Amino acid sequence: ALSDPSGGLYIAESTKVIARAVAAGHRPRSVLVQERRVDDIRAIVG
Protein backbone atom coordinates (compact mmCIF):
# COMPACT_ATOMS: atom_id res chain seq x y z
CA ALA A 1 0.00 0.00 0.00
CA LEU A 2 3.00 2.33 0.08
CA SER A 3 2.24 5.33 -2.11
CA ASP A 4 5.84 5.52 -3.24
CA PRO A 5 6.54 3.47 -5.29
CA SER A 6 3.04 3.08 -6.77
CA GLY A 7 3.41 -0.65 -7.34
CA GLY A 8 4.37 -1.35 -3.75
CA LEU A 9 7.27 -3.38 -2.41
CA TYR A 10 8.16 -6.85 -1.29
CA ILE A 11 10.97 -8.11 0.94
CA ALA A 12 13.63 -10.54 -0.31
CA GLU A 13 15.85 -12.29 2.26
CA SER A 14 19.34 -13.78 1.76
CA THR A 15 21.89 -13.21 -0.96
CA LYS A 16 20.67 -16.24 -2.94
CA VAL A 17 17.09 -14.96 -3.07
CA ILE A 18 18.16 -11.38 -3.85
CA ALA A 19 20.46 -12.65 -6.61
CA ARG A 20 17.58 -14.57 -8.21
CA ALA A 21 15.30 -11.55 -7.98
CA VAL A 22 17.86 -9.26 -9.61
CA ALA A 23 18.61 -11.87 -12.29
CA ALA A 24 14.87 -11.96 -13.07
CA GLY A 25 14.93 -8.21 -13.68
CA HIS A 26 13.44 -7.09 -10.37
CA ARG A 27 14.71 -3.75 -9.09
CA PRO A 28 15.86 -3.24 -5.48
CA ARG A 29 14.89 0.01 -3.79
CA SER A 30 17.46 -0.54 -1.05
CA VAL A 31 19.38 -3.28 0.74
CA LEU A 32 19.92 -3.78 4.46
CA VAL A 33 23.05 -5.82 5.12
CA GLN A 34 24.91 -6.88 8.22
CA GLU A 35 28.59 -5.97 8.25
CA ARG A 36 29.83 -9.53 7.67
CA ARG A 37 27.81 -9.83 4.43
CA VAL A 38 28.92 -6.69 2.58
CA ASP A 39 31.18 -8.56 0.15
CA ASP A 40 28.39 -11.04 -0.64
CA ILE A 41 25.90 -8.33 -1.59
CA ARG A 42 28.54 -6.36 -3.50
CA ALA A 43 28.73 -9.21 -6.03
CA ILE A 44 24.96 -8.93 -6.63
CA VAL A 45 24.12 -5.22 -6.62
CA GLY A 46 27.56 -3.64 -6.91
PDB file of all heavy atoms in Angstrom:
ATOM      1  N   ALA A   1       0.799  -1.221   0.000  1.00  0.00           N
ATOM      2  CA  ALA A   1       0.000   0.000   0.000  1.00  0.00           C
ATOM      3  C   ALA A   1       0.834   1.275   0.000  1.00  0.00           C
ATOM      4  O   ALA A   1       0.287   2.375  -0.042  1.00  0.00           O
ATOM      5  CB  ALA A   1      -0.930   0.003   1.216  1.00  0.00           C
ATOM      6  N   LEU A   2       2.157   1.140   0.074  1.00  0.00           N
ATOM      7  CA  LEU A   2       2.996   2.332   0.075  1.00  0.00           C
ATOM      8  C   LEU A   2       2.733   3.167  -1.178  1.00  0.00           C
ATOM      9  O   LEU A   2       2.683   2.661  -2.292  1.00  0.00           O
ATOM     10  CB  LEU A   2       4.475   1.930   0.102  1.00  0.00           C
ATOM     11  CG  LEU A   2       5.037   1.441   1.444  1.00  0.00           C
ATOM     12  CD1 LEU A   2       6.466   0.981   1.266  1.00  0.00           C
ATOM     13  CD2 LEU A   2       4.977   2.530   2.481  1.00  0.00           C
ATOM     14  N   SER A   3       2.542   4.463  -0.964  1.00  0.00           N
ATOM     15  CA  SER A   3       2.237   5.331  -2.106  1.00  0.00           C
ATOM     16  C   SER A   3       3.454   5.564  -2.990  1.00  0.00           C
ATOM     17  O   SER A   3       3.337   5.920  -4.152  1.00  0.00           O
ATOM     18  CB  SER A   3       1.700   6.684  -1.605  1.00  0.00           C
ATOM     19  OG  SER A   3       2.646   7.311  -0.762  1.00  0.00           O
ATOM     20  N   ASP A   4       4.628   5.354  -2.449  1.00  0.00           N
ATOM     21  CA  ASP A   4       5.838   5.523  -3.236  1.00  0.00           C
ATOM     22  C   ASP A   4       6.758   4.331  -2.962  1.00  0.00           C
ATOM     23  O   ASP A   4       7.240   4.175  -1.836  1.00  0.00           O
ATOM     24  CB  ASP A   4       6.569   6.814  -2.839  1.00  0.00           C
ATOM     25  CG  ASP A   4       7.866   7.008  -3.612  1.00  0.00           C
ATOM     26  OD1 ASP A   4       8.006   6.451  -4.704  1.00  0.00           O
ATOM     27  OD2 ASP A   4       8.734   7.722  -3.080  1.00  0.00           O
ATOM     28  N   PRO A   5       6.984   3.438  -3.900  1.00  0.00           N
ATOM     29  CA  PRO A   5       6.535   3.472  -5.289  1.00  0.00           C
ATOM     30  C   PRO A   5       5.098   3.013  -5.453  1.00  0.00           C
ATOM     31  O   PRO A   5       4.560   2.333  -4.576  1.00  0.00           O
ATOM     32  CB  PRO A   5       7.491   2.487  -5.965  1.00  0.00           C
ATOM     33  CG  PRO A   5       7.785   1.496  -4.889  1.00  0.00           C
ATOM     34  CD  PRO A   5       7.836   2.290  -3.599  1.00  0.00           C
ATOM     35  N   SER A   6       4.467   3.342  -6.571  1.00  0.00           N
ATOM     36  CA  SER A   6       3.044   3.079  -6.766  1.00  0.00           C
ATOM     37  C   SER A   6       2.729   1.589  -6.788  1.00  0.00           C
ATOM     38  O   SER A   6       1.651   1.175  -6.391  1.00  0.00           O
ATOM     39  CB  SER A   6       2.567   3.744  -8.057  1.00  0.00           C
ATOM     40  OG  SER A   6       3.298   3.260  -9.167  1.00  0.00           O
ATOM     41  N   GLY A   7       3.672   0.785  -7.266  1.00  0.00           N
ATOM     42  CA  GLY A   7       3.413  -0.647  -7.337  1.00  0.00           C
ATOM     43  C   GLY A   7       3.614  -1.380  -6.038  1.00  0.00           C
ATOM     44  O   GLY A   7       3.343  -2.566  -5.935  1.00  0.00           O
ATOM     45  N   GLY A   8       4.103  -0.700  -5.023  1.00  0.00           N
ATOM     46  CA  GLY A   8       4.368  -1.353  -3.751  1.00  0.00           C
ATOM     47  C   GLY A   8       5.710  -2.062  -3.732  1.00  0.00           C
ATOM     48  O   GLY A   8       6.493  -1.996  -4.676  1.00  0.00           O
ATOM     49  N   LEU A   9       5.988  -2.729  -2.636  1.00  0.00           N
ATOM     50  CA  LEU A   9       7.272  -3.375  -2.413  1.00  0.00           C
ATOM     51  C   LEU A   9       7.068  -4.805  -1.950  1.00  0.00           C
ATOM     52  O   LEU A   9       5.962  -5.201  -1.561  1.00  0.00           O
ATOM     53  CB  LEU A   9       8.067  -2.627  -1.333  1.00  0.00           C
ATOM     54  CG  LEU A   9       8.363  -1.150  -1.570  1.00  0.00           C
ATOM     55  CD1 LEU A   9       8.918  -0.533  -0.285  1.00  0.00           C
ATOM     56  CD2 LEU A   9       9.346  -0.978  -2.710  1.00  0.00           C
ATOM     57  N   TYR A  10       8.128  -5.577  -1.989  1.00  0.00           N
ATOM     58  CA  TYR A  10       8.163  -6.854  -1.291  1.00  0.00           C
ATOM     59  C   TYR A  10       9.554  -7.002  -0.703  1.00  0.00           C
ATOM     60  O   TYR A  10      10.491  -6.296  -1.094  1.00  0.00           O
ATOM     61  CB  TYR A  10       7.790  -8.022  -2.205  1.00  0.00           C
ATOM     62  CG  TYR A  10       8.822  -8.373  -3.260  1.00  0.00           C
ATOM     63  CD1 TYR A  10       9.846  -9.284  -2.997  1.00  0.00           C
ATOM     64  CD2 TYR A  10       8.762  -7.806  -4.530  1.00  0.00           C
ATOM     65  CE1 TYR A  10      10.788  -9.599  -3.958  1.00  0.00           C
ATOM     66  CE2 TYR A  10       9.700  -8.131  -5.505  1.00  0.00           C
ATOM     67  CZ  TYR A  10      10.708  -9.032  -5.213  1.00  0.00           C
ATOM     68  OH  TYR A  10      11.649  -9.344  -6.164  1.00  0.00           O
ATOM     69  N   ILE A  11       9.692  -7.907   0.260  1.00  0.00           N
ATOM     70  CA  ILE A  11      10.970  -8.109   0.945  1.00  0.00           C
ATOM     71  C   ILE A  11      11.599  -9.417   0.481  1.00  0.00           C
ATOM     72  O   ILE A  11      10.946 -10.457   0.466  1.00  0.00           O
ATOM     73  CB  ILE A  11      10.763  -8.132   2.472  1.00  0.00           C
ATOM     74  CG1 ILE A  11      10.273  -6.773   2.974  1.00  0.00           C
ATOM     75  CG2 ILE A  11      12.056  -8.538   3.187  1.00  0.00           C
ATOM     76  CD1 ILE A  11      11.253  -5.640   2.777  1.00  0.00           C
ATOM     77  N   ALA A  12      12.872  -9.346   0.077  1.00  0.00           N
ATOM     78  CA  ALA A  12      13.634 -10.537  -0.308  1.00  0.00           C
ATOM     79  C   ALA A  12      14.749 -10.744   0.709  1.00  0.00           C
ATOM     80  O   ALA A  12      15.507  -9.820   0.984  1.00  0.00           O
ATOM     81  CB  ALA A  12      14.213 -10.368  -1.707  1.00  0.00           C
ATOM     82  N   GLU A  13      14.845 -11.965   1.253  1.00  0.00           N
ATOM     83  CA  GLU A  13      15.852 -12.294   2.265  1.00  0.00           C
ATOM     84  C   GLU A  13      16.927 -13.203   1.692  1.00  0.00           C
ATOM     85  O   GLU A  13      16.611 -14.116   0.934  1.00  0.00           O
ATOM     86  CB  GLU A  13      15.207 -13.035   3.435  1.00  0.00           C
ATOM     87  CG  GLU A  13      14.360 -12.182   4.346  1.00  0.00           C
ATOM     88  CD  GLU A  13      13.821 -13.036   5.480  1.00  0.00           C
ATOM     89  OE1 GLU A  13      14.603 -13.406   6.370  1.00  0.00           O
ATOM     90  OE2 GLU A  13      12.624 -13.356   5.452  1.00  0.00           O
ATOM     91  N   SER A  14      18.157 -12.987   2.067  1.00  0.00           N
ATOM     92  CA  SER A  14      19.342 -13.780   1.760  1.00  0.00           C
ATOM     93  C   SER A  14      19.919 -13.409   0.407  1.00  0.00           C
ATOM     94  O   SER A  14      19.204 -12.996  -0.517  1.00  0.00           O
ATOM     95  CB  SER A  14      19.069 -15.290   1.811  1.00  0.00           C
ATOM     96  OG  SER A  14      18.520 -15.773   0.609  1.00  0.00           O
ATOM     97  N   THR A  15      21.226 -13.572   0.289  1.00  0.00           N
ATOM     98  CA  THR A  15      21.893 -13.211  -0.959  1.00  0.00           C
ATOM     99  C   THR A  15      21.416 -14.084  -2.117  1.00  0.00           C
ATOM    100  O   THR A  15      21.297 -13.604  -3.247  1.00  0.00           O
ATOM    101  CB  THR A  15      23.424 -13.342  -0.805  1.00  0.00           C
ATOM    102  OG1 THR A  15      23.740 -14.649  -0.303  1.00  0.00           O
ATOM    103  CG2 THR A  15      23.965 -12.294   0.141  1.00  0.00           C
ATOM    104  N   LYS A  16      21.121 -15.366  -1.861  1.00  0.00           N
ATOM    105  CA  LYS A  16      20.671 -16.242  -2.937  1.00  0.00           C
ATOM    106  C   LYS A  16      19.337 -15.767  -3.508  1.00  0.00           C
ATOM    107  O   LYS A  16      19.151 -15.700  -4.730  1.00  0.00           O
ATOM    108  CB  LYS A  16      20.531 -17.680  -2.431  1.00  0.00           C
ATOM    109  CG  LYS A  16      20.028 -18.658  -3.495  1.00  0.00           C
ATOM    110  CD  LYS A  16      19.906 -20.069  -2.959  1.00  0.00           C
ATOM    111  CE  LYS A  16      21.251 -20.709  -2.770  1.00  0.00           C
ATOM    112  NZ  LYS A  16      21.156 -22.143  -2.408  1.00  0.00           N
ATOM    113  N   VAL A  17      18.404 -15.418  -2.625  1.00  0.00           N
ATOM    114  CA  VAL A  17      17.089 -14.961  -3.069  1.00  0.00           C
ATOM    115  C   VAL A  17      17.202 -13.614  -3.785  1.00  0.00           C
ATOM    116  O   VAL A  17      16.583 -13.398  -4.839  1.00  0.00           O
ATOM    117  CB  VAL A  17      16.124 -14.868  -1.873  1.00  0.00           C
ATOM    118  CG1 VAL A  17      14.845 -14.121  -2.245  1.00  0.00           C
ATOM    119  CG2 VAL A  17      15.783 -16.273  -1.360  1.00  0.00           C
ATOM    120  N   ILE A  18      17.985 -12.700  -3.222  1.00  0.00           N
ATOM    121  CA  ILE A  18      18.157 -11.384  -3.851  1.00  0.00           C
ATOM    122  C   ILE A  18      18.804 -11.533  -5.225  1.00  0.00           C
ATOM    123  O   ILE A  18      18.405 -10.871  -6.192  1.00  0.00           O
ATOM    124  CB  ILE A  18      18.984 -10.453  -2.943  1.00  0.00           C
ATOM    125  CG1 ILE A  18      18.229 -10.185  -1.637  1.00  0.00           C
ATOM    126  CG2 ILE A  18      19.278  -9.134  -3.640  1.00  0.00           C
ATOM    127  CD1 ILE A  18      19.081  -9.537  -0.561  1.00  0.00           C
ATOM    128  N   ALA A  19      19.793 -12.421  -5.322  1.00  0.00           N
ATOM    129  CA  ALA A  19      20.456 -12.647  -6.606  1.00  0.00           C
ATOM    130  C   ALA A  19      19.471 -13.145  -7.650  1.00  0.00           C
ATOM    131  O   ALA A  19      19.496 -12.712  -8.814  1.00  0.00           O
ATOM    132  CB  ALA A  19      21.603 -13.639  -6.437  1.00  0.00           C
ATOM    133  N   ARG A  20      18.570 -14.051  -7.257  1.00  0.00           N
ATOM    134  CA  ARG A  20      17.582 -14.569  -8.208  1.00  0.00           C
ATOM    135  C   ARG A  20      16.583 -13.481  -8.611  1.00  0.00           C
ATOM    136  O   ARG A  20      16.152 -13.426  -9.760  1.00  0.00           O
ATOM    137  CB  ARG A  20      16.862 -15.774  -7.609  1.00  0.00           C
ATOM    138  CG  ARG A  20      17.724 -17.034  -7.614  1.00  0.00           C
ATOM    139  CD  ARG A  20      17.002 -18.243  -7.079  1.00  0.00           C
ATOM    140  NE  ARG A  20      17.787 -19.453  -7.326  1.00  0.00           N
ATOM    141  CZ  ARG A  20      17.531 -20.635  -6.769  1.00  0.00           C
ATOM    142  NH1 ARG A  20      16.501 -20.768  -5.940  1.00  0.00           N
ATOM    143  NH2 ARG A  20      18.284 -21.677  -7.047  1.00  0.00           N
ATOM    144  N   ALA A  21      16.224 -12.635  -7.657  1.00  0.00           N
ATOM    145  CA  ALA A  21      15.299 -11.547  -7.978  1.00  0.00           C
ATOM    146  C   ALA A  21      15.930 -10.571  -8.966  1.00  0.00           C
ATOM    147  O   ALA A  21      15.295 -10.177  -9.959  1.00  0.00           O
ATOM    148  CB  ALA A  21      14.889 -10.812  -6.699  1.00  0.00           C
ATOM    149  N   VAL A  22      17.160 -10.200  -8.710  1.00  0.00           N
ATOM    150  CA  VAL A  22      17.856  -9.264  -9.607  1.00  0.00           C
ATOM    151  C   VAL A  22      18.063  -9.893 -10.976  1.00  0.00           C
ATOM    152  O   VAL A  22      17.881  -9.242 -12.017  1.00  0.00           O
ATOM    153  CB  VAL A  22      19.202  -8.826  -8.986  1.00  0.00           C
ATOM    154  CG1 VAL A  22      20.042  -8.044  -9.988  1.00  0.00           C
ATOM    155  CG2 VAL A  22      18.955  -7.982  -7.730  1.00  0.00           C
ATOM    156  N   ALA A  23      18.408 -11.173 -11.009  1.00  0.00           N
ATOM    157  CA  ALA A  23      18.605 -11.865 -12.288  1.00  0.00           C
ATOM    158  C   ALA A  23      17.313 -11.924 -13.092  1.00  0.00           C
ATOM    159  O   ALA A  23      17.342 -11.949 -14.328  1.00  0.00           O
ATOM    160  CB  ALA A  23      19.134 -13.278 -12.042  1.00  0.00           C
ATOM    161  N   ALA A  24      16.171 -11.935 -12.390  1.00  0.00           N
ATOM    162  CA  ALA A  24      14.868 -11.960 -13.067  1.00  0.00           C
ATOM    163  C   ALA A  24      14.424 -10.568 -13.520  1.00  0.00           C
ATOM    164  O   ALA A  24      13.338 -10.419 -14.080  1.00  0.00           O
ATOM    165  CB  ALA A  24      13.816 -12.564 -12.138  1.00  0.00           C
ATOM    166  N   GLY A  25      15.260  -9.554 -13.247  1.00  0.00           N
ATOM    167  CA  GLY A  25      14.934  -8.206 -13.680  1.00  0.00           C
ATOM    168  C   GLY A  25      14.226  -7.359 -12.652  1.00  0.00           C
ATOM    169  O   GLY A  25      13.813  -6.238 -12.946  1.00  0.00           O
ATOM    170  N   HIS A  26      14.082  -7.869 -11.419  1.00  0.00           N
ATOM    171  CA  HIS A  26      13.438  -7.090 -10.366  1.00  0.00           C
ATOM    172  C   HIS A  26      14.423  -6.038  -9.845  1.00  0.00           C
ATOM    173  O   HIS A  26      15.628  -6.278  -9.773  1.00  0.00           O
ATOM    174  CB  HIS A  26      12.983  -7.996  -9.225  1.00  0.00           C
ATOM    175  CG  HIS A  26      11.894  -8.949  -9.632  1.00  0.00           C
ATOM    176  ND1 HIS A  26      10.982  -9.454  -8.737  1.00  0.00           N
ATOM    177  CD2 HIS A  26      11.564  -9.479 -10.833  1.00  0.00           C
ATOM    178  CE1 HIS A  26      10.151 -10.274  -9.375  1.00  0.00           C
ATOM    179  NE2 HIS A  26      10.499 -10.303 -10.646  1.00  0.00           N
ATOM    180  N   ARG A  27      13.873  -4.901  -9.442  1.00  0.00           N
ATOM    181  CA  ARG A  27      14.714  -3.751  -9.095  1.00  0.00           C
ATOM    182  C   ARG A  27      14.687  -3.491  -7.586  1.00  0.00           C
ATOM    183  O   ARG A  27      13.621  -3.247  -7.020  1.00  0.00           O
ATOM    184  CB  ARG A  27      14.194  -2.525  -9.852  1.00  0.00           C
ATOM    185  CG  ARG A  27      15.093  -1.303  -9.804  1.00  0.00           C
ATOM    186  CD  ARG A  27      14.672  -0.331 -10.897  1.00  0.00           C
ATOM    187  NE  ARG A  27      13.260  -0.026 -10.870  1.00  0.00           N
ATOM    188  CZ  ARG A  27      12.715   1.003 -10.222  1.00  0.00           C
ATOM    189  NH1 ARG A  27      13.478   1.811  -9.520  1.00  0.00           N
ATOM    190  NH2 ARG A  27      11.416   1.223 -10.279  1.00  0.00           N
ATOM    191  N   PRO A  28      15.843  -3.556  -6.906  1.00  0.00           N
ATOM    192  CA  PRO A  28      15.861  -3.237  -5.476  1.00  0.00           C
ATOM    193  C   PRO A  28      15.724  -1.736  -5.235  1.00  0.00           C
ATOM    194  O   PRO A  28      16.274  -0.924  -5.984  1.00  0.00           O
ATOM    195  CB  PRO A  28      17.230  -3.740  -5.005  1.00  0.00           C
ATOM    196  CG  PRO A  28      18.063  -3.865  -6.226  1.00  0.00           C
ATOM    197  CD  PRO A  28      17.165  -3.992  -7.395  1.00  0.00           C
ATOM    198  N   ARG A  29      14.959  -1.391  -4.208  1.00  0.00           N
ATOM    199  CA  ARG A  29      14.894   0.013  -3.795  1.00  0.00           C
ATOM    200  C   ARG A  29      16.021   0.316  -2.812  1.00  0.00           C
ATOM    201  O   ARG A  29      16.586   1.406  -2.827  1.00  0.00           O
ATOM    202  CB  ARG A  29      13.546   0.335  -3.157  1.00  0.00           C
ATOM    203  CG  ARG A  29      13.439   1.804  -2.737  1.00  0.00           C
ATOM    204  CD  ARG A  29      12.025   2.260  -2.645  1.00  0.00           C
ATOM    205  NE  ARG A  29      11.490   2.239  -1.299  1.00  0.00           N
ATOM    206  CZ  ARG A  29      10.512   3.053  -0.891  1.00  0.00           C
ATOM    207  NH1 ARG A  29       9.992   3.934  -1.725  1.00  0.00           N
ATOM    208  NH2 ARG A  29      10.044   2.951   0.322  1.00  0.00           N
ATOM    209  N   SER A  30      16.326  -0.655  -1.967  1.00  0.00           N
ATOM    210  CA  SER A  30      17.464  -0.536  -1.050  1.00  0.00           C
ATOM    211  C   SER A  30      17.803  -1.920  -0.534  1.00  0.00           C
ATOM    212  O   SER A  30      17.032  -2.873  -0.725  1.00  0.00           O
ATOM    213  CB  SER A  30      17.138   0.404   0.124  1.00  0.00           C
ATOM    214  OG  SER A  30      16.145  -0.169   0.967  1.00  0.00           O
ATOM    215  N   VAL A  31      18.948  -2.021   0.131  1.00  0.00           N
ATOM    216  CA  VAL A  31      19.377  -3.279   0.739  1.00  0.00           C
ATOM    217  C   VAL A  31      19.827  -2.983   2.158  1.00  0.00           C
ATOM    218  O   VAL A  31      20.514  -1.979   2.408  1.00  0.00           O
ATOM    219  CB  VAL A  31      20.535  -3.930  -0.052  1.00  0.00           C
ATOM    220  CG1 VAL A  31      21.001  -5.213   0.627  1.00  0.00           C
ATOM    221  CG2 VAL A  31      20.122  -4.209  -1.494  1.00  0.00           C
ATOM    222  N   LEU A  32      19.435  -3.844   3.085  1.00  0.00           N
ATOM    223  CA  LEU A  32      19.919  -3.781   4.459  1.00  0.00           C
ATOM    224  C   LEU A  32      20.831  -4.981   4.655  1.00  0.00           C
ATOM    225  O   LEU A  32      20.413  -6.119   4.430  1.00  0.00           O
ATOM    226  CB  LEU A  32      18.749  -3.812   5.442  1.00  0.00           C
ATOM    227  CG  LEU A  32      19.081  -3.673   6.939  1.00  0.00           C
ATOM    228  CD1 LEU A  32      17.917  -2.998   7.680  1.00  0.00           C
ATOM    229  CD2 LEU A  32      19.342  -5.034   7.584  1.00  0.00           C
ATOM    230  N   VAL A  33      22.081  -4.736   5.034  1.00  0.00           N
ATOM    231  CA  VAL A  33      23.045  -5.824   5.123  1.00  0.00           C
ATOM    232  C   VAL A  33      23.837  -5.724   6.421  1.00  0.00           C
ATOM    233  O   VAL A  33      24.218  -4.626   6.845  1.00  0.00           O
ATOM    234  CB  VAL A  33      23.982  -5.826   3.887  1.00  0.00           C
ATOM    235  CG1 VAL A  33      24.767  -4.524   3.777  1.00  0.00           C
ATOM    236  CG2 VAL A  33      24.938  -7.010   3.919  1.00  0.00           C
ATOM    237  N   GLN A  34      24.059  -6.844   7.043  1.00  0.00           N
ATOM    238  CA  GLN A  34      24.913  -6.876   8.216  1.00  0.00           C
ATOM    239  C   GLN A  34      26.376  -6.811   7.760  1.00  0.00           C
ATOM    240  O   GLN A  34      26.707  -7.198   6.640  1.00  0.00           O
ATOM    241  CB  GLN A  34      24.627  -8.139   9.038  1.00  0.00           C
ATOM    242  CG  GLN A  34      23.219  -8.086   9.655  1.00  0.00           C
ATOM    243  CD  GLN A  34      22.803  -9.394  10.275  1.00  0.00           C
ATOM    244  OE1 GLN A  34      23.157 -10.457   9.788  1.00  0.00           O
ATOM    245  NE2 GLN A  34      22.018  -9.333  11.344  1.00  0.00           N
ATOM    246  N   GLU A  35      27.208  -6.296   8.631  1.00  0.00           N
ATOM    247  CA  GLU A  35      28.588  -5.968   8.250  1.00  0.00           C
ATOM    248  C   GLU A  35      29.335  -7.152   7.640  1.00  0.00           C
ATOM    249  O   GLU A  35      30.101  -6.996   6.688  1.00  0.00           O
ATOM    250  CB  GLU A  35      29.330  -5.432   9.480  1.00  0.00           C
ATOM    251  CG  GLU A  35      28.788  -4.069   9.942  1.00  0.00           C
ATOM    252  CD  GLU A  35      29.151  -3.733  11.384  1.00  0.00           C
ATOM    253  OE1 GLU A  35      29.495  -4.680  12.135  1.00  0.00           O
ATOM    254  OE2 GLU A  35      29.071  -2.559  11.765  1.00  0.00           O
ATOM    255  N   ARG A  36      29.082  -8.357   8.144  1.00  0.00           N
ATOM    256  CA  ARG A  36      29.833  -9.531   7.668  1.00  0.00           C
ATOM    257  C   ARG A  36      29.425  -9.968   6.262  1.00  0.00           C
ATOM    258  O   ARG A  36      30.086 -10.816   5.657  1.00  0.00           O
ATOM    259  CB  ARG A  36      29.640 -10.694   8.647  1.00  0.00           C
ATOM    260  CG  ARG A  36      28.225 -11.247   8.696  1.00  0.00           C
ATOM    261  CD  ARG A  36      28.094 -12.337   9.749  1.00  0.00           C
ATOM    262  NE  ARG A  36      26.795 -12.979   9.736  1.00  0.00           N
ATOM    263  CZ  ARG A  36      25.713 -12.497  10.314  1.00  0.00           C
ATOM    264  NH1 ARG A  36      25.776 -11.335  10.969  1.00  0.00           N
ATOM    265  NH2 ARG A  36      24.558 -13.149  10.257  1.00  0.00           N
ATOM    266  N   ARG A  37      28.323  -9.398   5.725  1.00  0.00           N
ATOM    267  CA  ARG A  37      27.807  -9.834   4.430  1.00  0.00           C
ATOM    268  C   ARG A  37      28.001  -8.798   3.315  1.00  0.00           C
ATOM    269  O   ARG A  37      27.464  -8.966   2.220  1.00  0.00           O
ATOM    270  CB  ARG A  37      26.315 -10.141   4.554  1.00  0.00           C
ATOM    271  CG  ARG A  37      25.981 -11.306   5.474  1.00  0.00           C
ATOM    272  CD  ARG A  37      26.448 -12.618   4.888  1.00  0.00           C
ATOM    273  NE  ARG A  37      25.971 -13.755   5.665  1.00  0.00           N
ATOM    274  CZ  ARG A  37      26.276 -15.023   5.411  1.00  0.00           C
ATOM    275  NH1 ARG A  37      27.080 -15.282   4.395  1.00  0.00           N
ATOM    276  NH2 ARG A  37      25.804 -15.997   6.144  1.00  0.00           N
ATOM    277  N   VAL A  38      28.765  -7.765   3.566  1.00  0.00           N
ATOM    278  CA  VAL A  38      28.917  -6.688   2.579  1.00  0.00           C
ATOM    279  C   VAL A  38      29.515  -7.211   1.275  1.00  0.00           C
ATOM    280  O   VAL A  38      29.039  -6.881   0.179  1.00  0.00           O
ATOM    281  CB  VAL A  38      29.778  -5.542   3.154  1.00  0.00           C
ATOM    282  CG1 VAL A  38      30.142  -4.555   2.049  1.00  0.00           C
ATOM    283  CG2 VAL A  38      29.027  -4.824   4.262  1.00  0.00           C
ATOM    284  N   ASP A  39      30.548  -8.051   1.364  1.00  0.00           N
ATOM    285  CA  ASP A  39      31.177  -8.557   0.147  1.00  0.00           C
ATOM    286  C   ASP A  39      30.214  -9.431  -0.659  1.00  0.00           C
ATOM    287  O   ASP A  39      30.241  -9.422  -1.895  1.00  0.00           O
ATOM    288  CB  ASP A  39      32.440  -9.353   0.485  1.00  0.00           C
ATOM    289  CG  ASP A  39      33.584  -8.453   0.937  1.00  0.00           C
ATOM    290  OD1 ASP A  39      33.523  -7.237   0.652  1.00  0.00           O
ATOM    291  OD2 ASP A  39      34.517  -8.959   1.588  1.00  0.00           O
ATOM    292  N   ASP A  40      29.356 -10.181   0.048  1.00  0.00           N
ATOM    293  CA  ASP A  40      28.392 -11.037  -0.644  1.00  0.00           C
ATOM    294  C   ASP A  40      27.416 -10.211  -1.470  1.00  0.00           C
ATOM    295  O   ASP A  40      27.119 -10.525  -2.618  1.00  0.00           O
ATOM    296  CB  ASP A  40      27.612 -11.887   0.363  1.00  0.00           C
ATOM    297  CG  ASP A  40      28.502 -12.866   1.111  1.00  0.00           C
ATOM    298  OD1 ASP A  40      29.595 -13.182   0.605  1.00  0.00           O
ATOM    299  OD2 ASP A  40      28.103 -13.313   2.199  1.00  0.00           O
ATOM    300  N   ILE A  41      26.898  -9.139  -0.885  1.00  0.00           N
ATOM    301  CA  ILE A  41      25.900  -8.330  -1.589  1.00  0.00           C
ATOM    302  C   ILE A  41      26.547  -7.478  -2.668  1.00  0.00           C
ATOM    303  O   ILE A  41      25.922  -7.143  -3.678  1.00  0.00           O
ATOM    304  CB  ILE A  41      25.097  -7.453  -0.596  1.00  0.00           C
ATOM    305  CG1 ILE A  41      23.753  -7.052  -1.218  1.00  0.00           C
ATOM    306  CG2 ILE A  41      25.856  -6.225  -0.169  1.00  0.00           C
ATOM    307  CD1 ILE A  41      22.835  -8.204  -1.515  1.00  0.00           C
ATOM    308  N   ARG A  42      27.828  -7.148  -2.486  1.00  0.00           N
ATOM    309  CA  ARG A  42      28.537  -6.356  -3.500  1.00  0.00           C
ATOM    310  C   ARG A  42      28.542  -7.095  -4.846  1.00  0.00           C
ATOM    311  O   ARG A  42      28.417  -6.487  -5.915  1.00  0.00           O
ATOM    312  CB  ARG A  42      29.967  -6.075  -3.041  1.00  0.00           C
ATOM    313  CG  ARG A  42      30.692  -5.010  -3.886  1.00  0.00           C
ATOM    314  CD  ARG A  42      32.188  -4.991  -3.548  1.00  0.00           C
ATOM    315  NE  ARG A  42      32.439  -4.857  -2.125  1.00  0.00           N
ATOM    316  CZ  ARG A  42      32.477  -3.701  -1.465  1.00  0.00           C
ATOM    317  NH1 ARG A  42      32.282  -2.567  -2.119  1.00  0.00           N
ATOM    318  NH2 ARG A  42      32.733  -3.682  -0.162  1.00  0.00           N
ATOM    319  N   ALA A  43      28.685  -8.418  -4.798  1.00  0.00           N
ATOM    320  CA  ALA A  43      28.728  -9.208  -6.028  1.00  0.00           C
ATOM    321  C   ALA A  43      27.385  -9.209  -6.757  1.00  0.00           C
ATOM    322  O   ALA A  43      27.331  -9.481  -7.952  1.00  0.00           O
ATOM    323  CB  ALA A  43      29.139 -10.640  -5.706  1.00  0.00           C
ATOM    324  N   ILE A  44      26.309  -8.871  -6.035  1.00  0.00           N
ATOM    325  CA  ILE A  44      24.962  -8.925  -6.630  1.00  0.00           C
ATOM    326  C   ILE A  44      24.491  -7.569  -7.107  1.00  0.00           C
ATOM    327  O   ILE A  44      23.966  -7.419  -8.221  1.00  0.00           O
ATOM    328  CB  ILE A  44      23.956  -9.499  -5.601  1.00  0.00           C
ATOM    329  CG1 ILE A  44      24.374 -10.910  -5.189  1.00  0.00           C
ATOM    330  CG2 ILE A  44      22.540  -9.498  -6.168  1.00  0.00           C
ATOM    331  CD1 ILE A  44      23.639 -11.440  -3.986  1.00  0.00           C
ATOM    332  N   VAL A  45      24.676  -6.535  -6.274  1.00  0.00           N
ATOM    333  CA  VAL A  45      24.121  -5.221  -6.620  1.00  0.00           C
ATOM    334  C   VAL A  45      25.201  -4.164  -6.787  1.00  0.00           C
ATOM    335  O   VAL A  45      24.896  -2.976  -6.870  1.00  0.00           O
ATOM    336  CB  VAL A  45      23.085  -4.757  -5.567  1.00  0.00           C
ATOM    337  CG1 VAL A  45      21.954  -5.753  -5.442  1.00  0.00           C
ATOM    338  CG2 VAL A  45      23.746  -4.511  -4.208  1.00  0.00           C
ATOM    339  N   GLY A  46      26.459  -4.595  -6.843  1.00  0.00           N
ATOM    340  CA  GLY A  46      27.560  -3.642  -6.911  1.00  0.00           C
ATOM    341  C   GLY A  46      27.475  -2.681  -8.074  1.00  0.00           C
ATOM    342  O   GLY A  46      27.916  -1.528  -7.978  1.00  0.00           O
TER     343      GLY A  46
END
